[in-house]
PDB file of N, CA and C in Angstrom:
ATOM      1  N   UNK A   1       0.482  -1.286   0.097  1.00  0.00           N
ATOM      2  CA  UNK A   1      -0.082   0.338  -0.320  1.00  0.00           C
ATOM      3  C   UNK A   1       0.916   1.062   0.242  1.00  0.00           C
ATOM      4  N   UNK A   2       1.990   1.020   0.605  1.00  0.00           N
ATOM      5  CA  UNK A   2       3.058   2.522   0.605  1.00  0.00           C
ATOM      6  C   UNK A   2       3.058   2.860  -0.435  1.00  0.00           C
ATOM      7  N   UNK A   3       3.893   2.131  -1.915  1.00  0.00           N
ATOM      8  CA  UNK A   3       3.765   2.397  -2.785  1.00  0.00           C
ATOM      9  C   UNK A   3       2.542   2.749  -3.588  1.00  0.00           C
ATOM     10  N   UNK A   4       1.328   2.544  -3.327  1.00  0.00           N
ATOM     11  CA  UNK A   4      -0.052   2.922  -4.016  1.00  0.00           C
ATOM     12  C   UNK A   4       0.532   4.259  -3.697  1.00  0.00           C
ATOM     13  N   UNK A   5      -0.267   5.115  -2.365  1.00  0.00           N
ATOM     14  CA  UNK A   5       0.375   6.204  -2.118  1.00  0.00           C
ATOM     15  C   UNK A   5       1.315   6.988  -2.412  1.00  0.00           C
ATOM     16  N   UNK A   6       2.919   6.832  -2.406  1.00  0.00           N
ATOM     17  CA  UNK A   6       3.518   7.288  -3.092  1.00  0.00           C
ATOM     18  C   UNK A   6       2.894   7.645  -4.391  1.00  0.00           C
ATOM     19  N   UNK A   7       2.309   6.552  -5.259  1.00  0.00           N
ATOM     20  CA  UNK A   7       2.436   6.676  -6.626  1.00  0.00           C
ATOM     21  C   UNK A   7       1.088   7.921  -6.562  1.00  0.00           C
ATOM     22  N   UNK A   8       0.036   7.797  -5.853  1.00  0.00           N
ATOM     23  CA  UNK A   8      -0.796   8.928  -5.921  1.00  0.00           C
ATOM     24  C   UNK A   8       0.054  10.673  -5.272  1.00  0.00           C
ATOM     25  N   UNK A   9       0.529  10.572  -4.627  1.00  0.00           N
ATOM     26  CA  UNK A   9       1.288  11.376  -4.171  1.00  0.00           C
ATOM     27  C   UNK A   9       2.258  11.968  -5.421  1.00  0.00           C
ATOM     28  N   UNK A  10       2.885  11.294  -6.054  1.00  0.00           N
ATOM     29  CA  UNK A  10       3.606  11.839  -7.018  1.00  0.00           C
ATOM     30  C   UNK A  10       2.811  12.538  -8.276  1.00  0.00           C
ATOM     31  N   UNK A  11       1.868  11.349  -8.322  1.00  0.00           N
ATOM     32  CA  UNK A  11       0.900  11.763  -9.481  1.00  0.00           C
ATOM     33  C   UNK A  11       0.304  13.556  -9.830  1.00  0.00           C
ATOM     34  N   UNK A  12       0.161  14.010  -7.815  1.00  0.00           N
ATOM     35  CA  UNK A  12      -0.588  15.293  -7.265  1.00  0.00           C
ATOM     36  C   UNK A  12       0.822  16.265  -7.335  1.00  0.00           C
ATOM     37  N   UNK A  13       1.462  15.711  -7.303  1.00  0.00           N
ATOM     38  CA  UNK A  13       3.168  16.806  -7.205  1.00  0.00           C
ATOM     39  C   UNK A  13       4.061  16.852  -8.311  1.00  0.00           C
ATOM     40  N   UNK A  14       3.762  15.706  -8.905  1.00  0.00           N
ATOM     41  CA  UNK A  14       5.205  15.393 -10.028  1.00  0.00           C
ATOM     42  C   UNK A  14       5.081  16.622 -10.865  1.00  0.00           C
ATOM     43  N   UNK A  15       5.934  17.380 -11.420  1.00  0.00           N
ATOM     44  CA  UNK A  15       6.223  18.817 -12.434  1.00  0.00           C
ATOM     45  C   UNK A  15       7.847  18.643 -13.438  1.00  0.00           C
ATOM     46  N   UNK A  16       7.128  17.738 -14.991  1.00  0.00           N
ATOM     47  CA  UNK A  16       8.466  18.047 -15.396  1.00  0.00           C
ATOM     48  C   UNK A  16       8.148  18.807 -16.941  1.00  0.00           C
ATOM     49  N   UNK A  17       7.240  19.274 -16.818  1.00  0.00           N
ATOM     50  CA  UNK A  17       7.111  20.527 -17.879  1.00  0.00           C
ATOM     51  C   UNK A  17       8.111  21.398 -18.422  1.00  0.00           C
ATOM     52  N   UNK A  18       9.397  21.712 -17.255  1.00  0.00           N
ATOM     53  CA  UNK A  18      10.767  22.304 -17.907  1.00  0.00           C
ATOM     54  C   UNK A  18      11.380  21.068 -19.008  1.00  0.00           C
ATOM     55  N   UNK A  19      10.794  19.853 -18.993  1.00  0.00           N
ATOM     56  CA  UNK A  19      11.494  18.785 -19.449  1.00  0.00           C
ATOM     57  C   UNK A  19      10.677  18.845 -21.222  1.00  0.00           C
ATOM     58  N   UNK A  20       9.673  19.509 -21.435  1.00  0.00           N
ATOM     59  CA  UNK A  20       9.317  18.955 -22.735  1.00  0.00           C
ATOM     60  C   UNK A  20       9.504  19.332 -23.885  1.00  0.00           C
ATOM     61  N   UNK A  21       9.892  20.850 -23.340  1.00  0.00           N
ATOM     62  CA  UNK A  21      10.355  21.135 -25.281  1.00  0.00           C
ATOM     63  C   UNK A  21      12.017  20.578 -25.897  1.00  0.00           C
ATOM     64  N   UNK A  22      12.201  19.757 -24.435  1.00  0.00           N
ATOM     65  CA  UNK A  22      12.952  18.761 -24.868  1.00  0.00           C
ATOM     66  C   UNK A  22      12.552  17.331 -25.747  1.00  0.00           C
ATOM     67  N   UNK A  23      11.965  17.506 -25.760  1.00  0.00           N
ATOM     68  CA  UNK A  23      10.958  16.266 -26.776  1.00  0.00           C
ATOM     69  C   UNK A  23      10.757  16.381 -28.233  1.00  0.00           C
ATOM     70  N   UNK A  24      11.485  16.197 -28.896  1.00  0.00           N
ATOM     71  CA  UNK A  24      11.916  16.557 -30.456  1.00  0.00           C
ATOM     72  C   UNK A  24      11.148  15.219 -31.516  1.00  0.00           C
ATOM     73  N   UNK A  25      10.582  14.053 -30.994  1.00  0.00           N
ATOM     74  CA  UNK A  25       9.762  13.227 -31.813  1.00  0.00           C
ATOM     75  C   UNK A  25       7.734  13.559 -31.942  1.00  0.00           C
ATOM     76  N   UNK A  26       7.425  13.718 -33.063  1.00  0.00           N
ATOM     77  CA  UNK A  26       6.111  13.881 -33.295  1.00  0.00           C
ATOM     78  C   UNK A  26       5.407  13.226 -32.165  1.00  0.00           C
ATOM     79  N   UNK A  27       4.558  14.139 -31.496  1.00  0.00           N
ATOM     80  CA  UNK A  27       3.998  13.376 -30.394  1.00  0.00           C
ATOM     81  C   UNK A  27       2.321  13.809 -30.661  1.00  0.00           C
ATOM     82  N   UNK A  28       1.267  12.844 -29.582  1.00  0.00           N
ATOM     83  CA  UNK A  28       0.494  13.078 -29.853  1.00  0.00           C
ATOM     84  C   UNK A  28      -0.190  13.189 -28.369  1.00  0.00           C
ATOM     85  N   UNK A  29      -0.559  14.050 -28.215  1.00  0.00           N
ATOM     86  CA  UNK A  29      -1.756  14.651 -26.856  1.00  0.00           C
ATOM     87  C   UNK A  29      -2.925  14.252 -26.844  1.00  0.00           C
ATOM     88  N   UNK A  30      -3.455  13.216 -26.595  1.00  0.00           N
ATOM     89  CA  UNK A  30      -5.141  13.375 -25.821  1.00  0.00           C
ATOM     90  C   UNK A  30      -4.879  13.777 -25.006  1.00  0.00           C
ATOM     91  N   UNK A  31      -6.092  14.428 -24.919  1.00  0.00           N
ATOM     92  CA  UNK A  31      -6.845  14.540 -23.414  1.00  0.00           C
ATOM     93  C   UNK A  31      -8.589  14.460 -23.889  1.00  0.00           C
ATOM     94  N   UNK A  32      -9.671  14.281 -22.178  1.00  0.00           N
ATOM     95  CA  UNK A  32     -10.237  13.685 -22.236  1.00  0.00           C
ATOM     96  C   UNK A  32     -11.756  15.284 -21.717  1.00  0.00           C
ATOM     97  N   UNK A  33     -12.462  15.425 -22.304  1.00  0.00           N
ATOM     98  CA  UNK A  33     -13.445  16.452 -22.449  1.00  0.00           C
ATOM     99  C   UNK A  33     -13.815  16.743 -21.222  1.00  0.00           C
ATOM    100  N   UNK A  34     -13.462  15.708 -20.224  1.00  0.00           N
ATOM    101  CA  UNK A  34     -14.864  15.249 -18.857  1.00  0.00           C
ATOM    102  C   UNK A  34     -13.596  14.455 -18.053  1.00  0.00           C
ATOM    103  N   UNK A  35     -12.757  15.003 -18.029  1.00  0.00           N
ATOM    104  CA  UNK A  35     -11.280  14.386 -16.671  1.00  0.00           C
ATOM    105  C   UNK A  35     -11.171  15.580 -15.809  1.00  0.00           C
ATOM    106  N   UNK A  36     -11.900  14.762 -15.024  1.00  0.00           N
ATOM    107  CA  UNK A  36     -11.677  15.767 -13.716  1.00  0.00           C
ATOM    108  C   UNK A  36     -10.579  15.793 -12.809  1.00  0.00           C
ATOM    109  N   UNK A  37      -9.971  14.661 -13.392  1.00  0.00           N
ATOM    110  CA  UNK A  37      -8.089  14.887 -12.728  1.00  0.00           C
ATOM    111  C   UNK A  37      -7.640  15.490 -13.331  1.00  0.00           C
ATOM    112  N   UNK A  38      -7.271  15.235 -14.882  1.00  0.00           N
ATOM    113  CA  UNK A  38      -6.075  15.874 -15.886  1.00  0.00           C
ATOM    114  C   UNK A  38      -6.938  16.844 -16.695  1.00  0.00           C
ATOM    115  N   UNK A  39      -7.777  18.111 -16.428  1.00  0.00           N
ATOM    116  CA  UNK A  39      -8.983  18.588 -17.574  1.00  0.00           C
ATOM    117  C   UNK A  39      -7.458  18.874 -18.938  1.00  0.00           C
ATOM    118  N   UNK A  40      -8.335  18.801 -19.609  1.00  0.00           N
ATOM    119  CA  UNK A  40      -7.965  19.117 -21.100  1.00  0.00           C
ATOM    120  C   UNK A  40      -6.964  20.714 -20.921  1.00  0.00           C
ATOM    121  N   UNK A  41      -7.124  21.445 -19.979  1.00  0.00           N
ATOM    122  CA  UNK A  41      -5.706  22.149 -19.960  1.00  0.00           C
ATOM    123  C   UNK A  41      -4.276  21.899 -19.902  1.00  0.00           C
ATOM    124  N   UNK A  42      -4.359  20.834 -18.812  1.00  0.00           N
ATOM    125  CA  UNK A  42      -3.019  20.047 -18.931  1.00  0.00           C
ATOM    126  C   UNK A  42      -2.772  20.058 -20.501  1.00  0.00           C
ATOM    127  N   UNK A  43      -3.443  18.704 -20.998  1.00  0.00           N
ATOM    128  CA  UNK A  43      -2.615  18.766 -22.275  1.00  0.00           C
ATOM    129  C   UNK A  43      -2.283  19.847 -23.089  1.00  0.00           C
ATOM    130  N   UNK A  44      -3.653  21.275 -23.274  1.00  0.00           N
ATOM    131  CA  UNK A  44      -3.371  22.356 -23.719  1.00  0.00           C
ATOM    132  C   UNK A  44      -1.605  22.327 -23.263  1.00  0.00           C
ATOM    133  N   UNK A  45      -0.974  22.767 -21.943  1.00  0.00           N
ATOM    134  CA  UNK A  45      -0.037  22.926 -21.790  1.00  0.00           C
ATOM    135  C   UNK A  45       1.398  22.096 -22.423  1.00  0.00           C
ATOM    136  N   UNK A  46       0.498  20.722 -22.309  1.00  0.00           N
ATOM    137  CA  UNK A  46       1.696  19.660 -23.214  1.00  0.00           C
ATOM    138  C   UNK A  46       2.183  20.106 -24.447  1.00  0.00           C
ATOM    139  N   UNK A  47       0.619  19.964 -25.049  1.00  0.00           N
ATOM    140  CA  UNK A  47       1.121  20.281 -26.723  1.00  0.00           C
ATOM    141  C   UNK A  47       1.620  22.268 -26.486  1.00  0.00           C
ATOM    142  N   UNK A  48       1.458  22.622 -25.938  1.00  0.00           N
ATOM    143  CA  UNK A  48       2.408  23.967 -25.941  1.00  0.00           C
ATOM    144  C   UNK A  48       4.057  23.730 -25.984  1.00  0.00           C
ATOM    145  N   UNK A  49       4.134  22.759 -25.175  1.00  0.00           N
ATOM    146  CA  UNK A  49       5.995  22.941 -24.613  1.00  0.00           C
ATOM    147  C   UNK A  49       6.326  21.982 -25.927  1.00  0.00           C
ATOM    148  N   UNK A  50       5.526  20.912 -26.357  1.00  0.00           N
ATOM    149  CA  UNK A  50       6.099  19.503 -27.420  1.00  0.00           C
ATOM    150  C   UNK A  50       6.198  20.373 -28.577  1.00  0.00           C
ATOM    151  N   UNK A  51       7.123  20.515 -29.568  1.00  0.00           N
ATOM    152  CA  UNK A  51       7.860  21.569 -30.496  1.00  0.00           C
ATOM    153  C   UNK A  51       6.272  21.064 -31.813  1.00  0.00           C
ATOM    154  N   UNK A  52       6.707  19.742 -31.446  1.00  0.00           N
ATOM    155  CA  UNK A  52       6.074  18.351 -32.957  1.00  0.00           C
ATOM    156  C   UNK A  52       5.137  17.581 -32.270  1.00  0.00           C
ATOM    157  N   UNK A  53       4.058  18.433 -31.582  1.00  0.00           N
ATOM    158  CA  UNK A  53       2.852  18.039 -31.365  1.00  0.00           C
ATOM    159  C   UNK A  53       1.620  17.696 -31.533  1.00  0.00           C
ATOM    160  N   UNK A  54       0.492  17.154 -31.659  1.00  0.00           N
ATOM    161  CA  UNK A  54      -0.724  17.546 -32.315  1.00  0.00           C
ATOM    162  C   UNK A  54      -1.387  17.152 -31.371  1.00  0.00           C
ATOM    163  N   UNK A  55      -2.233  18.090 -30.367  1.00  0.00           N
ATOM    164  CA  UNK A  55      -3.191  18.042 -29.405  1.00  0.00           C
ATOM    165  C   UNK A  55      -4.940  17.814 -29.745  1.00  0.00           C
ATOM    166  N   UNK A  56      -5.463  17.066 -29.015  1.00  0.00           N
ATOM    167  CA  UNK A  56      -6.613  16.491 -29.421  1.00  0.00           C
ATOM    168  C   UNK A  56      -7.465  16.214 -27.968  1.00  0.00           C
ATOM    169  N   UNK A  57      -8.656  16.851 -28.132  1.00  0.00           N
ATOM    170  CA  UNK A  57      -9.516  16.217 -27.263  1.00  0.00           C
ATOM    171  C   UNK A  57     -10.709  15.908 -27.449  1.00  0.00           C
ATOM    172  N   UNK A  58     -11.419  14.919 -26.545  1.00  0.00           N
ATOM    173  CA  UNK A  58     -12.116  13.182 -27.141  1.00  0.00           C
ATOM    174  C   UNK A  58     -13.484  14.279 -26.285  1.00  0.00           C
ATOM    175  N   UNK A  59     -14.384  14.429 -26.993  1.00  0.00           N
ATOM    176  CA  UNK A  59     -15.616  14.537 -26.399  1.00  0.00           C
ATOM    177  C   UNK A  59     -15.960  13.813 -25.692  1.00  0.00           C
ATOM    178  N   UNK A  60     -16.438  13.719 -24.968  1.00  0.00           N
ATOM    179  CA  UNK A  60     -17.811  12.446 -23.834  1.00  0.00           C
ATOM    180  C   UNK A  60     -17.441  11.428 -22.885  1.00  0.00           C
ATOM    181  N   UNK A  61     -15.950  12.061 -22.734  1.00  0.00           N
ATOM    182  CA  UNK A  61     -15.204  10.984 -21.512  1.00  0.00           C
ATOM    183  C   UNK A  61     -14.339  11.190 -20.749  1.00  0.00           C
ATOM    184  N   UNK A  62     -13.824  10.855 -19.721  1.00  0.00           N
ATOM    185  CA  UNK A  62     -13.105  11.437 -18.494  1.00  0.00           C
ATOM    186  C   UNK A  62     -11.818  11.026 -18.353  1.00  0.00           C
ATOM    187  N   UNK A  63     -11.070  10.465 -17.197  1.00  0.00           N
ATOM    188  CA  UNK A  63      -9.590  10.508 -17.400  1.00  0.00           C
ATOM    189  C   UNK A  63      -9.485   8.826 -17.949  1.00  0.00           C
ATOM    190  N   UNK A  64     -10.223   7.685 -18.097  1.00  0.00           N
ATOM    191  CA  UNK A  64     -10.375   6.419 -18.424  1.00  0.00           C
ATOM    192  C   UNK A  64     -10.424   6.657 -20.017  1.00  0.00           C
ATOM    193  N   UNK A  65     -10.101   7.140 -20.550  1.00  0.00           N
ATOM    194  CA  UNK A  65     -10.319   7.808 -21.949  1.00  0.00           C
ATOM    195  C   UNK A  65     -10.323   6.240 -22.874  1.00  0.00           C
ATOM    196  N   UNK A  66      -8.927   5.372 -22.841  1.00  0.00           N
ATOM    197  CA  UNK A  66      -8.722   4.359 -24.046  1.00  0.00           C
ATOM    198  C   UNK A  66     -10.005   3.193 -23.444  1.00  0.00           C
ATOM    199  N   UNK A  67     -10.776   3.094 -22.044  1.00  0.00           N
ATOM    200  CA  UNK A  67     -11.618   2.529 -21.911  1.00  0.00           C
ATOM    201  C   UNK A  67     -13.404   3.017 -22.019  1.00  0.00           C
ATOM    202  N   UNK A  68     -13.427   4.269 -22.173  1.00  0.00           N
ATOM    203  CA  UNK A  68     -14.318   5.202 -22.258  1.00  0.00           C
ATOM    204  C   UNK A  68     -14.944   5.245 -23.770  1.00  0.00           C
ATOM    205  N   UNK A  69     -13.799   5.764 -24.404  1.00  0.00           N
ATOM    206  CA  UNK A  69     -14.292   6.015 -26.054  1.00  0.00           C
ATOM    207  C   UNK A  69     -13.136   4.532 -26.521  1.00  0.00           C
ATOM    208  N   UNK A  70     -13.126   3.528 -26.431  1.00  0.00           N
ATOM    209  CA  UNK A  70     -12.090   2.789 -26.670  1.00  0.00           C
ATOM    210  C   UNK A  70     -11.542   2.852 -28.432  1.00  0.00           C
ATOM    211  N   UNK A  71     -13.178   2.970 -28.787  1.00  0.00           N
ATOM    212  CA  UNK A  71     -12.835   2.812 -30.375  1.00  0.00           C
ATOM    213  C   UNK A  71     -12.593   4.098 -31.018  1.00  0.00           C
ATOM    214  N   UNK A  72     -12.474   5.271 -30.263  1.00  0.00           N
ATOM    215  CA  UNK A  72     -12.301   6.653 -30.911  1.00  0.00           C
ATOM    216  C   UNK A  72     -10.683   6.817 -30.849  1.00  0.00           C
ATOM    217  N   UNK A  73      -9.946   6.530 -29.452  1.00  0.00           N
ATOM    218  CA  UNK A  73      -8.870   6.171 -29.165  1.00  0.00           C
ATOM    219  C   UNK A  73      -8.273   5.272 -29.969  1.00  0.00           C
ATOM    220  N   UNK A  74      -8.478   4.315 -30.814  1.00  0.00           N
ATOM    221  CA  UNK A  74      -7.873   3.146 -31.096  1.00  0.00           C
ATOM    222  C   UNK A  74      -8.032   3.675 -32.734  1.00  0.00           C
ATOM    223  N   UNK A  75      -8.706   4.826 -33.295  1.00  0.00           N
ATOM    224  CA  UNK A  75      -8.580   5.197 -34.312  1.00  0.00           C
ATOM    225  C   UNK A  75      -7.437   6.847 -34.547  1.00  0.00           C
ATOM    226  N   UNK A  76      -7.299   6.946 -33.129  1.00  0.00           N
ATOM    227  CA  UNK A  76      -6.793   8.529 -33.016  1.00  0.00           C
ATOM    228  C   UNK A  76      -5.440   7.728 -33.418  1.00  0.00           C
ATOM    229  N   UNK A  77      -5.029   7.196 -32.748  1.00  0.00           N
ATOM    230  CA  UNK A  77      -3.368   6.676 -32.355  1.00  0.00           C
ATOM    231  C   UNK A  77      -3.221   6.537 -33.628  1.00  0.00           C
ATOM    232  N   UNK A  78      -3.472   5.175 -34.201  1.00  0.00           N
ATOM    233  CA  UNK A  78      -3.221   4.815 -35.925  1.00  0.00           C
ATOM    234  C   UNK A  78      -3.277   5.855 -36.542  1.00  0.00           C
ATOM    235  N   UNK A  79      -4.390   6.741 -36.873  1.00  0.00           N
ATOM    236  CA  UNK A  79      -4.382   7.609 -37.629  1.00  0.00           C
ATOM    237  C   UNK A  79      -3.079   8.914 -37.480  1.00  0.00           C
ATOM    238  N   UNK A  80      -2.568   9.170 -35.966  1.00  0.00           N
ATOM    239  CA  UNK A  80      -1.498  10.059 -36.042  1.00  0.00           C
ATOM    240  C   UNK A  80      -0.480   9.348 -36.273  1.00  0.00           C
ATOM    241  N   UNK A  81       0.127   8.284 -36.240  1.00  0.00           N
ATOM    242  CA  UNK A  81       0.855   7.364 -36.855  1.00  0.00           C
ATOM    243  C   UNK A  81       0.989   6.762 -38.251  1.00  0.00           C
ATOM    244  N   UNK A  82       0.157   6.705 -39.031  1.00  0.00           N
ATOM    245  CA  UNK A  82       0.217   7.455 -40.478  1.00  0.00           C
ATOM    246  C   UNK A  82       0.366   8.195 -40.877  1.00  0.00           C
ATOM    247  N   UNK A  83       0.270   9.177 -39.693  1.00  0.00           N
ATOM    248  CA  UNK A  83       0.268  10.885 -41.098  1.00  0.00           C
ATOM    249  C   UNK A  83       1.755  11.059 -40.077  1.00  0.00           C
ATOM    250  N   UNK A  84       2.419  10.693 -39.948  1.00  0.00           N
ATOM    251  CA  UNK A  84       4.173  11.235 -39.464  1.00  0.00           C
ATOM    252  C   UNK A  84       4.720  10.602 -40.369  1.00  0.00           C
ATOM    253  N   UNK A  85       5.584  11.547 -40.905  1.00  0.00           N
ATOM    254  CA  UNK A  85       6.610  11.598 -41.825  1.00  0.00           C
ATOM    255  C   UNK A  85       7.355  10.648 -41.966  1.00  0.00           C
ATOM    256  N   UNK A  86       8.049   9.210 -42.729  1.00  0.00           N
ATOM    257  CA  UNK A  86       9.151   8.955 -42.687  1.00  0.00           C
ATOM    258  C   UNK A  86      10.671   9.713 -43.029  1.00  0.00           C
ATOM    259  N   UNK A  87      11.520   9.573 -41.941  1.00  0.00           N
ATOM    260  CA  UNK A  87      12.447  10.172 -42.185  1.00  0.00           C
ATOM    261  C   UNK A  87      13.714   9.618 -42.545  1.00  0.00           C
ATOM    262  N   UNK A  88      14.181   9.600 -43.465  1.00  0.00           N
ATOM    263  CA  UNK A  88      15.046   8.846 -44.556  1.00  0.00           C
ATOM    264  C   UNK A  88      16.833   9.306 -43.909  1.00  0.00           C
TER     265      UNK A  88
END
Protein backbone atom coordinates (compact mmCIF):
# COMPACT_ATOMS: atom_id res chain seq x y z
CA UNK A 1 0.00 0.00 0.00
CA UNK A 2 2.92 2.36 0.59
CA UNK A 3 3.86 2.18 -3.08
CA UNK A 4 0.32 3.09 -4.13
CA UNK A 5 0.24 6.02 -1.71
CA UNK A 6 3.55 7.26 -3.12
CA UNK A 7 2.22 6.89 -6.67
CA UNK A 8 -0.80 9.01 -5.75
CA UNK A 9 1.40 11.69 -4.15
CA UNK A 10 3.64 11.76 -7.22
CA UNK A 11 0.64 12.03 -9.52
CA UNK A 12 -0.42 15.19 -7.71
CA UNK A 13 2.99 16.81 -7.31
CA UNK A 14 5.27 15.69 -10.15
CA UNK A 15 5.96 18.49 -12.61
CA UNK A 16 8.21 17.87 -15.60
CA UNK A 17 6.89 20.60 -17.89
CA UNK A 18 10.35 22.16 -18.04
CA UNK A 19 11.57 19.02 -19.81
CA UNK A 20 8.83 18.92 -22.47
CA UNK A 21 10.56 21.23 -24.99
CA UNK A 22 13.32 18.63 -25.22
CA UNK A 23 10.94 16.13 -26.84
CA UNK A 24 11.88 16.24 -30.51
CA UNK A 25 9.65 13.53 -31.97
CA UNK A 26 6.07 13.81 -33.21
CA UNK A 27 3.82 13.48 -30.17
CA UNK A 28 0.08 12.97 -29.89
CA UNK A 29 -1.43 14.61 -26.81
CA UNK A 30 -4.96 13.36 -26.13
CA UNK A 31 -7.15 14.84 -23.42
CA UNK A 32 -10.68 13.92 -22.42
CA UNK A 33 -13.21 16.71 -22.15
CA UNK A 34 -14.71 15.41 -18.88
CA UNK A 35 -11.44 14.42 -17.18
CA UNK A 36 -11.62 15.90 -13.68
CA UNK A 37 -8.16 14.64 -12.63
CA UNK A 38 -6.22 16.14 -15.54
CA UNK A 39 -8.59 18.30 -17.61
CA UNK A 40 -7.79 19.40 -21.17
CA UNK A 41 -6.01 22.49 -19.87
CA UNK A 42 -3.18 20.17 -18.80
CA UNK A 43 -3.04 18.62 -22.26
CA UNK A 44 -2.91 22.10 -23.76
CA UNK A 45 0.10 22.95 -21.58
CA UNK A 46 1.86 19.78 -22.72
CA UNK A 47 1.03 20.48 -26.36
CA UNK A 48 2.25 24.06 -26.11
CA UNK A 49 5.62 22.87 -24.81
CA UNK A 50 6.32 20.01 -27.27
CA UNK A 51 7.40 21.42 -30.64
CA UNK A 52 6.13 18.56 -32.86
CA UNK A 53 2.88 17.78 -31.08
CA UNK A 54 -0.74 17.47 -32.06
CA UNK A 55 -3.49 18.10 -29.49
CA UNK A 56 -6.87 16.38 -29.53
CA UNK A 57 -9.72 16.67 -27.03
CA UNK A 58 -12.04 13.67 -26.99
CA UNK A 59 -15.61 14.56 -26.08
CA UNK A 60 -17.76 12.45 -23.77
CA UNK A 61 -14.99 10.78 -21.80
CA UNK A 62 -13.20 11.16 -18.49
CA UNK A 63 -9.78 10.10 -17.24
CA UNK A 64 -10.12 6.54 -18.58
CA UNK A 65 -10.49 7.70 -22.17
CA UNK A 66 -8.91 4.57 -23.62
CA UNK A 67 -11.67 2.51 -21.96
CA UNK A 68 -14.59 4.92 -22.16
CA UNK A 69 -14.05 5.78 -25.82
CA UNK A 70 -11.93 2.83 -26.95
CA UNK A 71 -13.05 3.04 -30.58
CA UNK A 72 -12.14 6.71 -30.82
CA UNK A 73 -8.83 6.21 -29.03
CA UNK A 74 -8.00 3.24 -31.26
CA UNK A 75 -8.69 5.40 -34.30
CA UNK A 76 -6.79 8.50 -33.14
CA UNK A 77 -3.51 6.74 -32.41
CA UNK A 78 -3.07 4.86 -35.72
CA UNK A 79 -4.30 7.90 -37.68
CA UNK A 80 -1.63 9.99 -35.98
CA UNK A 81 1.08 7.41 -36.61
CA UNK A 82 0.13 7.12 -40.29
CA UNK A 83 0.43 10.90 -40.60
CA UNK A 84 3.96 11.03 -39.22
CA UNK A 85 6.41 11.43 -42.09
CA UNK A 86 9.07 8.78 -42.52
CA UNK A 87 12.52 10.26 -42.13
CA UNK A 88 15.12 8.77 -44.45
